[in-house]
Amino acid sequence: MGSSPLSIRPPSRHRVRLLLFTITLVLFVFFHSSTSTFLSSMFSRSDSYERNELVCRFEILSKCAYTHAKPGPGPPPHFHARILSNRYAENTKPVLVRNATIWTAAYDGHEVLAGDLLMHRGLIKAISNVPLSVIQQLELGSVNLEIINAHGAWVTPGIVDLHSHIGVGSAPELDGADDTNSYKAPSCLP
């Protein structure tokens, strides 16, 4: 019962062509969709990456430009002749601090005076030797002068907290210059 090679019928050319066409069509659709998805995702990633990169570059260059910025024109023309600070809170009493050690921060921070300090209407009116005539003028204006005896304690311009971060951070703030907390040693030893 053997079968002879002549008894097996070769597939018709039409079937072979149909099978090859179907395989080709399936492969074309598969590769086309995966390639277009892959390429579009790559281009969209590179576009967003380039946009983010440009934003980062702009921010960095803005910080650099800020460090080279020239100071503004300074105070307005009649700044030192004003009689009231624009930050003055109404009904704030004038304050006379007596017997203080006053760090004025003048002369590169080396000026220290012993004496009194008078503040009125949000402005410093006198430092060191406050003239008695100025005190009498305030008292005649029916102003309740608050007098504080400092007993030699320090009075400083603006440093009112128990600690300071002067010199720790950079301006503008850059990641490489952040030295607020050292992981290797304390920044200040007793």
Protein backbone atom coordinates (compact mmCIF):
# COMPACT_ATOMS: atom_id res chain seq x y z
CA MET A 1 0.00 0.00 0.00
CA GLY A 2 2.67 2.35 -0.48
CA SER A 3 2.06 5.73 -1.75
CA SER A 4 3.93 6.86 -4.68
CA PRO A 5 5.40 10.33 -4.91
CA LEU A 6 3.20 10.95 -7.83
CA SER A 7 0.07 10.46 -5.76
CA ILE A 8 0.76 13.59 -3.56
CA ARG A 9 -0.65 16.57 -5.25
CA PRO A 10 1.38 19.76 -5.02
CA PRO A 11 -0.55 22.80 -3.69
CA SER A 12 -1.99 24.94 -6.35
CA ARG A 13 -0.13 28.08 -7.23
CA HIS A 14 -3.17 30.08 -6.36
CA ARG A 15 -3.16 28.78 -2.77
CA VAL A 16 0.55 29.44 -2.36
CA ARG A 17 0.17 32.98 -3.64
CA LEU A 18 -2.81 33.59 -1.35
CA LEU A 19 -0.92 32.24 1.65
CA LEU A 20 2.18 34.34 0.86
CA PHE A 21 0.05 37.43 0.29
CA THR A 22 -1.75 36.92 3.61
CA ILE A 23 1.53 36.42 5.52
CA THR A 24 3.03 39.48 3.83
CA LEU A 25 -0.04 41.57 4.60
CA VAL A 26 -0.07 40.50 8.25
CA LEU A 27 3.66 41.17 8.64
CA PHE A 28 3.33 44.55 6.90
CA VAL A 29 0.47 45.66 9.14
CA PHE A 30 2.27 44.42 12.28
CA PHE A 31 5.61 46.07 11.48
CA HIS A 32 4.02 49.24 10.18
CA SER A 33 1.92 49.78 13.31
CA SER A 34 4.70 48.87 15.74
CA THR A 35 7.27 50.95 13.84
CA SER A 36 5.03 54.00 13.60
CA THR A 37 4.13 53.70 17.30
CA PHE A 38 7.78 53.28 18.21
CA LEU A 39 8.93 56.16 16.01
CA SER A 40 6.16 58.48 17.16
CA SER A 41 6.94 57.71 20.80
CA MET A 42 10.63 58.37 20.17
CA PHE A 43 9.97 61.67 18.46
CA SER A 44 7.47 62.78 21.07
CA ARG A 45 9.94 61.84 23.81
CA SER A 46 12.73 63.73 22.12
CA ASP A 47 10.46 66.75 21.59
CA SER A 48 9.42 66.84 25.24
CA TYR A 49 13.02 66.19 26.29
CA GLU A 50 14.21 69.07 24.12
CA ARG A 51 11.47 71.34 25.52
CA ASN A 52 12.42 70.43 29.10
CA GLU A 53 16.08 70.89 28.27
CA LEU A 54 15.39 74.36 26.84
CA VAL A 55 13.38 75.32 29.93
CA CYS A 56 16.21 74.16 32.20
CA ARG A 57 18.77 76.06 30.16
CA PHE A 58 16.65 79.21 30.28
CA GLU A 59 16.30 78.97 34.09
CA ILE A 60 20.05 78.46 34.54
CA LEU A 61 20.90 81.37 32.26
CA SER A 62 18.37 83.57 34.09
CA LYS A 63 20.09 82.78 37.39
CA CYS A 64 23.47 83.58 35.86
CA ALA A 65 22.16 86.86 34.47
CA TYR A 66 20.83 87.74 37.92
CA THR A 67 24.28 87.33 39.47
CA HIS A 68 25.70 89.82 36.96
CA ALA A 69 22.85 92.30 37.32
CA LYS A 70 23.82 95.81 38.19
CA PRO A 71 22.29 97.31 41.35
CA GLY A 72 19.23 99.47 40.95
CA PRO A 73 19.27 103.25 40.93
CA GLY A 74 19.12 103.43 44.75
CA PRO A 75 16.64 105.21 46.96
CA PRO A 76 14.36 107.94 45.62
CA PRO A 77 15.69 111.53 45.76
CA HIS A 78 14.09 112.57 49.08
CA PHE A 79 14.50 109.20 50.81
CA HIS A 80 16.69 110.47 53.66
CA ALA A 81 14.46 113.50 54.31
CA ARG A 82 11.30 111.45 54.92
CA ILE A 83 9.60 111.61 58.30
CA LEU A 84 7.64 108.35 58.08
CA SER A 85 8.58 104.85 56.90
CA ASN A 86 6.26 103.28 54.34
CA ARG A 87 6.20 100.22 56.64
CA TYR A 88 5.18 102.22 59.73
CA ALA A 89 2.27 100.74 61.68
CA GLU A 90 -0.12 103.39 63.04
CA ASN A 91 -0.18 103.96 66.81
CA THR A 92 3.28 102.45 67.30
CA LYS A 93 5.03 104.24 70.16
CA PRO A 94 8.48 105.72 69.65
CA VAL A 95 11.18 103.63 71.36
CA LEU A 96 14.33 104.89 73.07
CA VAL A 97 16.87 102.14 73.76
CA ARG A 98 19.37 103.38 76.36
CA ASN A 99 22.82 102.03 77.28
CA ALA A 100 23.13 99.72 74.28
CA THR A 101 26.09 98.33 72.39
CA ILE A 102 25.09 99.21 68.83
CA TRP A 103 26.50 97.41 65.83
CA THR A 104 25.78 99.74 62.92
CA ALA A 105 27.33 97.51 60.24
CA ALA A 106 29.13 100.58 58.86
CA TYR A 107 32.79 100.44 57.83
CA ASP A 108 32.46 96.87 56.53
CA GLY A 109 30.71 95.81 59.72
CA HIS A 110 33.39 97.07 62.10
CA GLU A 111 31.61 100.07 63.61
CA VAL A 112 30.33 99.44 67.15
CA LEU A 113 28.96 102.30 69.23
CA ALA A 114 28.00 102.51 72.87
CA GLY A 115 24.98 104.67 73.59
CA ASP A 116 21.31 105.17 72.82
CA LEU A 117 19.04 104.51 69.86
CA LEU A 118 15.83 106.40 69.10
CA MET A 119 13.22 104.95 66.70
CA HIS A 120 10.07 106.89 65.74
CA ARG A 121 7.51 106.37 62.94
CA GLY A 122 9.43 103.37 61.63
CA LEU A 123 12.69 105.30 61.21
CA ILE A 124 15.89 105.46 63.23
CA LYS A 125 16.02 109.09 64.35
CA ALA A 126 19.26 109.09 66.33
CA ILE A 127 22.13 106.75 67.23
CA SER A 128 24.66 106.85 70.06
CA ASN A 129 24.09 110.28 71.63
CA VAL A 130 20.39 111.09 71.35
CA PRO A 131 20.00 114.85 71.90
CA LEU A 132 17.80 115.76 74.86
CA SER A 133 16.00 118.30 72.64
CA VAL A 134 14.73 115.47 70.40
CA ILE A 135 13.39 113.56 73.41
CA GLN A 136 11.72 116.70 74.78
CA GLN A 137 10.18 117.42 71.38
CA LEU A 138 8.57 113.96 71.36
CA GLU A 139 7.29 114.43 74.91
CA LEU A 140 5.81 117.84 74.04
CA GLY A 141 3.94 116.23 71.14
CA SER A 142 2.08 114.14 73.75
CA VAL A 143 3.68 110.95 72.47
CA ASN A 144 4.16 108.09 74.93
CA LEU A 145 7.86 107.34 74.63
CA GLU A 146 8.78 103.75 75.50
CA ILE A 147 12.20 103.62 77.17
CA ILE A 148 14.17 100.37 77.31
CA ASN A 149 17.41 100.06 79.29
CA ALA A 150 19.59 97.61 77.35
CA HIS A 151 22.26 97.36 80.10
CA GLY A 152 24.97 97.05 77.43
CA ALA A 153 23.16 94.41 75.35
CA TRP A 154 23.76 94.31 71.61
CA VAL A 155 21.47 96.08 69.15
CA THR A 156 22.02 94.94 65.57
CA PRO A 157 20.49 95.92 62.22
CA GLY A 158 17.98 93.23 61.33
CA ILE A 159 19.56 90.16 62.90
CA VAL A 160 16.79 89.38 65.34
CA ASP A 161 16.86 85.59 65.43
CA LEU A 162 19.11 83.54 67.71
CA HIS A 163 20.98 82.19 64.72
CA SER A 164 21.88 83.36 61.26
CA HIS A 165 22.29 81.72 57.86
CA ILE A 166 24.47 84.51 56.47
CA GLY A 167 26.99 83.07 54.04
CA VAL A 168 25.42 79.59 53.96
CA GLY A 169 23.33 79.85 50.81
CA SER A 170 24.28 81.26 47.46
CA ALA A 171 22.37 83.85 45.50
CA PRO A 172 21.02 82.65 43.16
CA GLU A 173 20.39 79.32 44.82
CA LEU A 174 22.33 76.60 43.02
CA ASP A 175 22.40 72.89 43.86
CA GLY A 176 26.19 72.68 43.97
CA ALA A 177 26.51 75.53 46.46
CA ASP A 178 24.01 74.22 49.03
CA ASP A 179 25.88 73.97 52.34
CA THR A 180 23.07 74.38 54.86
CA ASN A 181 23.62 71.06 56.62
CA SER A 182 26.94 69.28 56.44
CA TYR A 183 26.79 65.49 56.56
CA LYS A 184 30.47 65.18 57.47
CA ALA A 185 30.83 67.47 60.46
CA PRO A 186 28.97 70.19 62.31
CA SER A 187 29.26 73.57 60.64
CA CYS A 188 29.89 75.30 63.95
CA LEU A 189 31.82 73.87 66.86
CA PRO A 190 31.54 75.25 70.43
